[in-house]
Amino acid sequence: MKTVELRKKNEKQLKQQLLELRKEQFNLRFQLAGGQLQSTARIKEVRRDIAKIKTLVNETKANG
């Protein structure tokens, strides 16, 4: 997910996206533990997307 796309969303949309990504991360960890995960690279992508969203939410809080 591109940062430019995320900046266009409001805080409510970002928090909803964050919730969805955390659910996906949870499911990916279970798939990894069970040996059913097809793409291990997706774990890294989700983790980075979560970090991007958290950074943008904190920026909006800091800037008012």
PDB file of N, CA and C in Angstrom:
ATOM      1  N   MET A   1       0.833  -1.173   0.000  1.00  0.00           N
ATOM      2  CA  MET A   1       0.000   0.000   0.000  1.00  0.00           C
ATOM      3  C   MET A   1       0.881   1.240   0.000  1.00  0.00           C
ATOM      4  N   LYS A   2       0.560   2.155  -0.860  1.00  0.00           N
ATOM      5  CA  LYS A   2       1.345   3.374  -0.999  1.00  0.00           C
ATOM      6  C   LYS A   2       0.953   4.388   0.073  1.00  0.00           C
ATOM      7  N   THR A   3       1.932   5.122   0.541  1.00  0.00           N
ATOM      8  CA  THR A   3       1.695   6.151   1.546  1.00  0.00           C
ATOM      9  C   THR A   3       0.810   7.258   0.991  1.00  0.00           C
ATOM     10  N   VAL A   4       0.950   7.550  -0.293  1.00  0.00           N
ATOM     11  CA  VAL A   4       0.135   8.587  -0.934  1.00  0.00           C
ATOM     12  C   VAL A   4      -1.352   8.224  -0.840  1.00  0.00           C
ATOM     13  N   GLU A   5      -1.665   6.950  -1.050  1.00  0.00           N
ATOM     14  CA  GLU A   5      -3.051   6.495  -0.951  1.00  0.00           C
ATOM     15  C   GLU A   5      -3.568   6.640   0.473  1.00  0.00           C
ATOM     16  N   LEU A   6      -2.723   6.330   1.428  1.00  0.00           N
ATOM     17  CA  LEU A   6      -3.129   6.397   2.830  1.00  0.00           C
ATOM     18  C   LEU A   6      -3.356   7.831   3.292  1.00  0.00           C
ATOM     19  N   ARG A   7      -2.579   8.759   2.779  1.00  0.00           N
ATOM     20  CA  ARG A   7      -2.716  10.164   3.180  1.00  0.00           C
ATOM     21  C   ARG A   7      -4.046  10.762   2.739  1.00  0.00           C
ATOM     22  N   LYS A   8      -4.671  10.178   1.724  1.00  0.00           N
ATOM     23  CA  LYS A   8      -5.953  10.671   1.230  1.00  0.00           C
ATOM     24  C   LYS A   8      -7.115  10.274   2.145  1.00  0.00           C
ATOM     25  N   LYS A   9      -6.891   9.303   3.023  1.00  0.00           N
ATOM     26  CA  LYS A   9      -7.948   8.811   3.900  1.00  0.00           C
ATOM     27  C   LYS A   9      -8.005   9.620   5.188  1.00  0.00           C
ATOM     28  N   ASN A  10      -9.199   9.661   5.788  1.00  0.00           N
ATOM     29  CA  ASN A  10      -9.321  10.349   7.070  1.00  0.00           C
ATOM     30  C   ASN A  10      -8.953   9.386   8.212  1.00  0.00           C
ATOM     31  N   GLU A  11      -8.964   9.897   9.426  1.00  0.00           N
ATOM     32  CA  GLU A  11      -8.497   9.101  10.569  1.00  0.00           C
ATOM     33  C   GLU A  11      -9.384   7.880  10.811  1.00  0.00           C
ATOM     34  N   LYS A  12     -10.681   8.030  10.622  1.00  0.00           N
ATOM     35  CA  LYS A  12     -11.595   6.906  10.824  1.00  0.00           C
ATOM     36  C   LYS A  12     -11.314   5.790   9.826  1.00  0.00           C
ATOM     37  N   GLN A  13     -11.074   6.159   8.572  1.00  0.00           N
ATOM     38  CA  GLN A  13     -10.765   5.165   7.543  1.00  0.00           C
ATOM     39  C   GLN A  13      -9.431   4.478   7.829  1.00  0.00           C
ATOM     40  N   LEU A  14      -8.458   5.246   8.318  1.00  0.00           N
ATOM     41  CA  LEU A  14      -7.153   4.668   8.645  1.00  0.00           C
ATOM     42  C   LEU A  14      -7.274   3.658   9.775  1.00  0.00           C
ATOM     43  N   LYS A  15      -8.060   3.993  10.781  1.00  0.00           N
ATOM     44  CA  LYS A  15      -8.222   3.074  11.906  1.00  0.00           C
ATOM     45  C   LYS A  15      -8.952   1.809  11.482  1.00  0.00           C
ATOM     46  N   GLN A  16      -9.909   1.931  10.562  1.00  0.00           N
ATOM     47  CA  GLN A  16     -10.598   0.755  10.038  1.00  0.00           C
ATOM     48  C   GLN A  16      -9.624  -0.124   9.247  1.00  0.00           C
ATOM     49  N   GLN A  17      -8.799   0.498   8.438  1.00  0.00           N
ATOM     50  CA  GLN A  17      -7.792  -0.229   7.668  1.00  0.00           C
ATOM     51  C   GLN A  17      -6.806  -0.932   8.603  1.00  0.00           C
ATOM     52  N   LEU A  18      -6.431  -0.250   9.678  1.00  0.00           N
ATOM     53  CA  LEU A  18      -5.510  -0.824  10.663  1.00  0.00           C
ATOM     54  C   LEU A  18      -6.114  -2.066  11.301  1.00  0.00           C
ATOM     55  N   LEU A  19      -7.384  -2.002  11.644  1.00  0.00           N
ATOM     56  CA  LEU A  19      -8.068  -3.142  12.233  1.00  0.00           C
ATOM     57  C   LEU A  19      -8.082  -4.331  11.280  1.00  0.00           C
ATOM     58  N   GLU A  20      -8.373  -4.075  10.011  1.00  0.00           N
ATOM     59  CA  GLU A  20      -8.388  -5.141   9.011  1.00  0.00           C
ATOM     60  C   GLU A  20      -7.008  -5.764   8.832  1.00  0.00           C
ATOM     61  N   LEU A  21      -5.971  -4.926   8.821  1.00  0.00           N
ATOM     62  CA  LEU A  21      -4.612  -5.442   8.655  1.00  0.00           C
ATOM     63  C   LEU A  21      -4.180  -6.272   9.864  1.00  0.00           C
ATOM     64  N   ARG A  22      -4.579  -5.865  11.050  1.00  0.00           N
ATOM     65  CA  ARG A  22      -4.231  -6.645  12.244  1.00  0.00           C
ATOM     66  C   ARG A  22      -4.917  -7.998  12.232  1.00  0.00           C
ATOM     67  N   LYS A  23      -6.158  -8.048  11.753  1.00  0.00           N
ATOM     68  CA  LYS A  23      -6.855  -9.331  11.622  1.00  0.00           C
ATOM     69  C   LYS A  23      -6.140 -10.216  10.608  1.00  0.00           C
ATOM     70  N   GLU A  24      -5.735  -9.604   9.503  1.00  0.00           N
ATOM     71  CA  GLU A  24      -5.014 -10.366   8.483  1.00  0.00           C
ATOM     72  C   GLU A  24      -3.689 -10.889   9.038  1.00  0.00           C
ATOM     73  N   GLN A  25      -2.989 -10.053   9.784  1.00  0.00           N
ATOM     74  CA  GLN A  25      -1.724 -10.463  10.384  1.00  0.00           C
ATOM     75  C   GLN A  25      -1.931 -11.647  11.324  1.00  0.00           C
ATOM     76  N   PHE A  26      -2.986 -11.588  12.116  1.00  0.00           N
ATOM     77  CA  PHE A  26      -3.318 -12.670  13.034  1.00  0.00           C
ATOM     78  C   PHE A  26      -3.544 -13.970  12.267  1.00  0.00           C
ATOM     79  N   ASN A  27      -4.334 -13.898  11.184  1.00  0.00           N
ATOM     80  CA  ASN A  27      -4.609 -15.084  10.379  1.00  0.00           C
ATOM     81  C   ASN A  27      -3.352 -15.611   9.692  1.00  0.00           C
ATOM     82  N   LEU A  28      -2.496 -14.709   9.242  1.00  0.00           N
ATOM     83  CA  LEU A  28      -1.252 -15.139   8.596  1.00  0.00           C
ATOM     84  C   LEU A  28      -0.343 -15.873   9.572  1.00  0.00           C
ATOM     85  N   ARG A  29      -0.286 -15.403  10.817  1.00  0.00           N
ATOM     86  CA  ARG A  29       0.536 -16.082  11.823  1.00  0.00           C
ATOM     87  C   ARG A  29       0.021 -17.490  12.092  1.00  0.00           C
ATOM     88  N   PHE A  30      -1.299 -17.658  12.128  1.00  0.00           N
ATOM     89  CA  PHE A  30      -1.865 -18.988  12.324  1.00  0.00           C
ATOM     90  C   PHE A  30      -1.557 -19.901  11.141  1.00  0.00           C
ATOM     91  N   GLN A  31      -1.661 -19.359   9.941  1.00  0.00           N
ATOM     92  CA  GLN A  31      -1.346 -20.145   8.757  1.00  0.00           C
ATOM     93  C   GLN A  31       0.123 -20.552   8.742  1.00  0.00           C
ATOM     94  N   LEU A  32       0.995 -19.649   9.174  1.00  0.00           N
ATOM     95  CA  LEU A  32       2.421 -19.950   9.227  1.00  0.00           C
ATOM     96  C   LEU A  32       2.699 -21.077  10.218  1.00  0.00           C
ATOM     97  N   ALA A  33       2.076 -20.998  11.371  1.00  0.00           N
ATOM     98  CA  ALA A  33       2.285 -22.020  12.397  1.00  0.00           C
ATOM     99  C   ALA A  33       1.737 -23.375  11.949  1.00  0.00           C
ATOM    100  N   GLY A  34       0.656 -23.359  11.187  1.00  0.00           N
ATOM    101  CA  GLY A  34       0.044 -24.598  10.720  1.00  0.00           C
ATOM    102  C   GLY A  34       0.640 -25.131   9.441  1.00  0.00           C
ATOM    103  N   GLY A  35       1.579 -24.406   8.866  1.00  0.00           N
ATOM    104  CA  GLY A  35       2.221 -24.859   7.639  1.00  0.00           C
ATOM    105  C   GLY A  35       1.364 -24.684   6.403  1.00  0.00           C
ATOM    106  N   GLN A  36       0.368 -23.811   6.455  1.00  0.00           N
ATOM    107  CA  GLN A  36      -0.532 -23.614   5.321  1.00  0.00           C
ATOM    108  C   GLN A  36      -0.258 -22.318   4.567  1.00  0.00           C
ATOM    109  N   LEU A  37       0.682 -21.527   5.017  1.00  0.00           N
ATOM    110  CA  LEU A  37       0.930 -20.220   4.417  1.00  0.00           C
ATOM    111  C   LEU A  37       1.634 -20.375   3.074  1.00  0.00           C
ATOM    112  N   GLN A  38       1.061 -19.753   2.044  1.00  0.00           N
ATOM    113  CA  GLN A  38       1.616 -19.836   0.696  1.00  0.00           C
ATOM    114  C   GLN A  38       2.702 -18.790   0.471  1.00  0.00           C
ATOM    115  N   SER A  39       2.425 -17.554   0.894  1.00  0.00           N
ATOM    116  CA  SER A  39       3.353 -16.458   0.629  1.00  0.00           C
ATOM    117  C   SER A  39       3.840 -15.850   1.944  1.00  0.00           C
ATOM    118  N   THR A  40       5.050 -16.164   2.321  1.00  0.00           N
ATOM    119  CA  THR A  40       5.593 -15.626   3.568  1.00  0.00           C
ATOM    120  C   THR A  40       5.914 -14.137   3.440  1.00  0.00           C
ATOM    121  N   ALA A  41       6.076 -13.653   2.229  1.00  0.00           N
ATOM    122  CA  ALA A  41       6.369 -12.236   2.012  1.00  0.00           C
ATOM    123  C   ALA A  41       5.188 -11.358   2.423  1.00  0.00           C
ATOM    124  N   ARG A  42       3.989 -11.910   2.408  1.00  0.00           N
ATOM    125  CA  ARG A  42       2.799 -11.138   2.772  1.00  0.00           C
ATOM    126  C   ARG A  42       2.868 -10.699   4.233  1.00  0.00           C
ATOM    127  N   ILE A  43       3.488 -11.491   5.097  1.00  0.00           N
ATOM    128  CA  ILE A  43       3.634 -11.125   6.509  1.00  0.00           C
ATOM    129  C   ILE A  43       4.411  -9.821   6.628  1.00  0.00           C
ATOM    130  N   LYS A  44       5.480  -9.718   5.876  1.00  0.00           N
ATOM    131  CA  LYS A  44       6.306  -8.512   5.903  1.00  0.00           C
ATOM    132  C   LYS A  44       5.543  -7.307   5.357  1.00  0.00           C
ATOM    133  N   GLU A  45       4.791  -7.499   4.283  1.00  0.00           N
ATOM    134  CA  GLU A  45       4.009  -6.408   3.693  1.00  0.00           C
ATOM    135  C   GLU A  45       2.964  -5.883   4.675  1.00  0.00           C
ATOM    136  N   VAL A  46       2.277  -6.794   5.335  1.00  0.00           N
ATOM    137  CA  VAL A  46       1.236  -6.400   6.287  1.00  0.00           C
ATOM    138  C   VAL A  46       1.852  -5.652   7.458  1.00  0.00           C
ATOM    139  N   ARG A  47       2.972  -6.151   7.950  1.00  0.00           N
ATOM    140  CA  ARG A  47       3.647  -5.497   9.079  1.00  0.00           C
ATOM    141  C   ARG A  47       4.055  -4.071   8.722  1.00  0.00           C
ATOM    142  N   ARG A  48       4.557  -3.882   7.519  1.00  0.00           N
ATOM    143  CA  ARG A  48       4.973  -2.542   7.079  1.00  0.00           C
ATOM    144  C   ARG A  48       3.773  -1.625   6.857  1.00  0.00           C
ATOM    145  N   ASP A  49       2.687  -2.170   6.318  1.00  0.00           N
ATOM    146  CA  ASP A  49       1.477  -1.365   6.133  1.00  0.00           C
ATOM    147  C   ASP A  49       0.918  -0.909   7.475  1.00  0.00           C
ATOM    148  N   ILE A  50       0.952  -1.775   8.471  1.00  0.00           N
ATOM    149  CA  ILE A  50       0.507  -1.412   9.820  1.00  0.00           C
ATOM    150  C   ILE A  50       1.362  -0.266  10.345  1.00  0.00           C
ATOM    151  N   ALA A  51       2.658  -0.354  10.153  1.00  0.00           N
ATOM    152  CA  ALA A  51       3.566   0.694  10.626  1.00  0.00           C
ATOM    153  C   ALA A  51       3.287   2.022   9.918  1.00  0.00           C
ATOM    154  N   LYS A  52       3.018   1.971   8.615  1.00  0.00           N
ATOM    155  CA  LYS A  52       2.713   3.198   7.868  1.00  0.00           C
ATOM    156  C   LYS A  52       1.457   3.869   8.406  1.00  0.00           C
ATOM    157  N   ILE A  53       0.429   3.078   8.640  1.00  0.00           N
ATOM    158  CA  ILE A  53      -0.831   3.632   9.122  1.00  0.00           C
ATOM    159  C   ILE A  53      -0.659   4.219  10.520  1.00  0.00           C
ATOM    160  N   LYS A  54       0.043   3.503  11.390  1.00  0.00           N
ATOM    161  CA  LYS A  54       0.264   4.011  12.739  1.00  0.00           C
ATOM    162  C   LYS A  54       1.057   5.314  12.714  1.00  0.00           C
ATOM    163  N   THR A  55       2.000   5.419  11.811  1.00  0.00           N
ATOM    164  CA  THR A  55       2.800   6.641  11.675  1.00  0.00           C
ATOM    165  C   THR A  55       1.916   7.802  11.221  1.00  0.00           C
ATOM    166  N   LEU A  56       1.056   7.561  10.243  1.00  0.00           N
ATOM    167  CA  LEU A  56       0.174   8.622   9.756  1.00  0.00           C
ATOM    168  C   LEU A  56      -0.820   9.061  10.830  1.00  0.00           C
ATOM    169  N   VAL A  57      -1.353   8.120  11.603  1.00  0.00           N
ATOM    170  CA  VAL A  57      -2.278   8.488  12.675  1.00  0.00           C
ATOM    171  C   VAL A  57      -1.568   9.345  13.713  1.00  0.00           C
ATOM    172  N   ASN A  58      -0.343   8.988  14.048  1.00  0.00           N
ATOM    173  CA  ASN A  58       0.414   9.783  15.016  1.00  0.00           C
ATOM    174  C   ASN A  58       0.779  11.148  14.464  1.00  0.00           C
ATOM    175  N   GLU A  59       1.051  11.249  13.173  1.00  0.00           N
ATOM    176  CA  GLU A  59       1.336  12.540  12.550  1.00  0.00           C
ATOM    177  C   GLU A  59       0.138  13.467  12.634  1.00  0.00           C
ATOM    178  N   THR A  60      -1.045  12.928  12.366  1.00  0.00           N
ATOM    179  CA  THR A  60      -2.242  13.765  12.402  1.00  0.00           C
ATOM    180  C   THR A  60      -2.525  14.237  13.825  1.00  0.00           C
ATOM    181  N   LYS A  61      -2.245  13.408  14.816  1.00  0.00           N
ATOM    182  CA  LYS A  61      -2.421  13.823  16.210  1.00  0.00           C
ATOM    183  C   LYS A  61      -1.429  14.912  16.589  1.00  0.00           C
ATOM    184  N   ALA A  62      -0.207  14.786  16.107  1.00  0.00           N
ATOM    185  CA  ALA A  62       0.835  15.759  16.450  1.00  0.00           C
ATOM    186  C   ALA A  62       0.593  17.111  15.770  1.00  0.00           C
ATOM    187  N   ASN A  63       0.056  17.073  14.553  1.00  0.00           N
ATOM    188  CA  ASN A  63      -0.160  18.302  13.804  1.00  0.00           C
ATOM    189  C   ASN A  63      -1.486  18.974  14.116  1.00  0.00           C
ATOM    190  N   GLY A  64      -2.278  18.328  14.905  1.00  0.00           N
ATOM    191  CA  GLY A  64      -3.493  18.997  15.344  1.00  0.00           C
ATOM    192  C   GLY A  64      -4.677  18.506  14.655  1.00  0.00           C
TER     193      GLY A  64
END
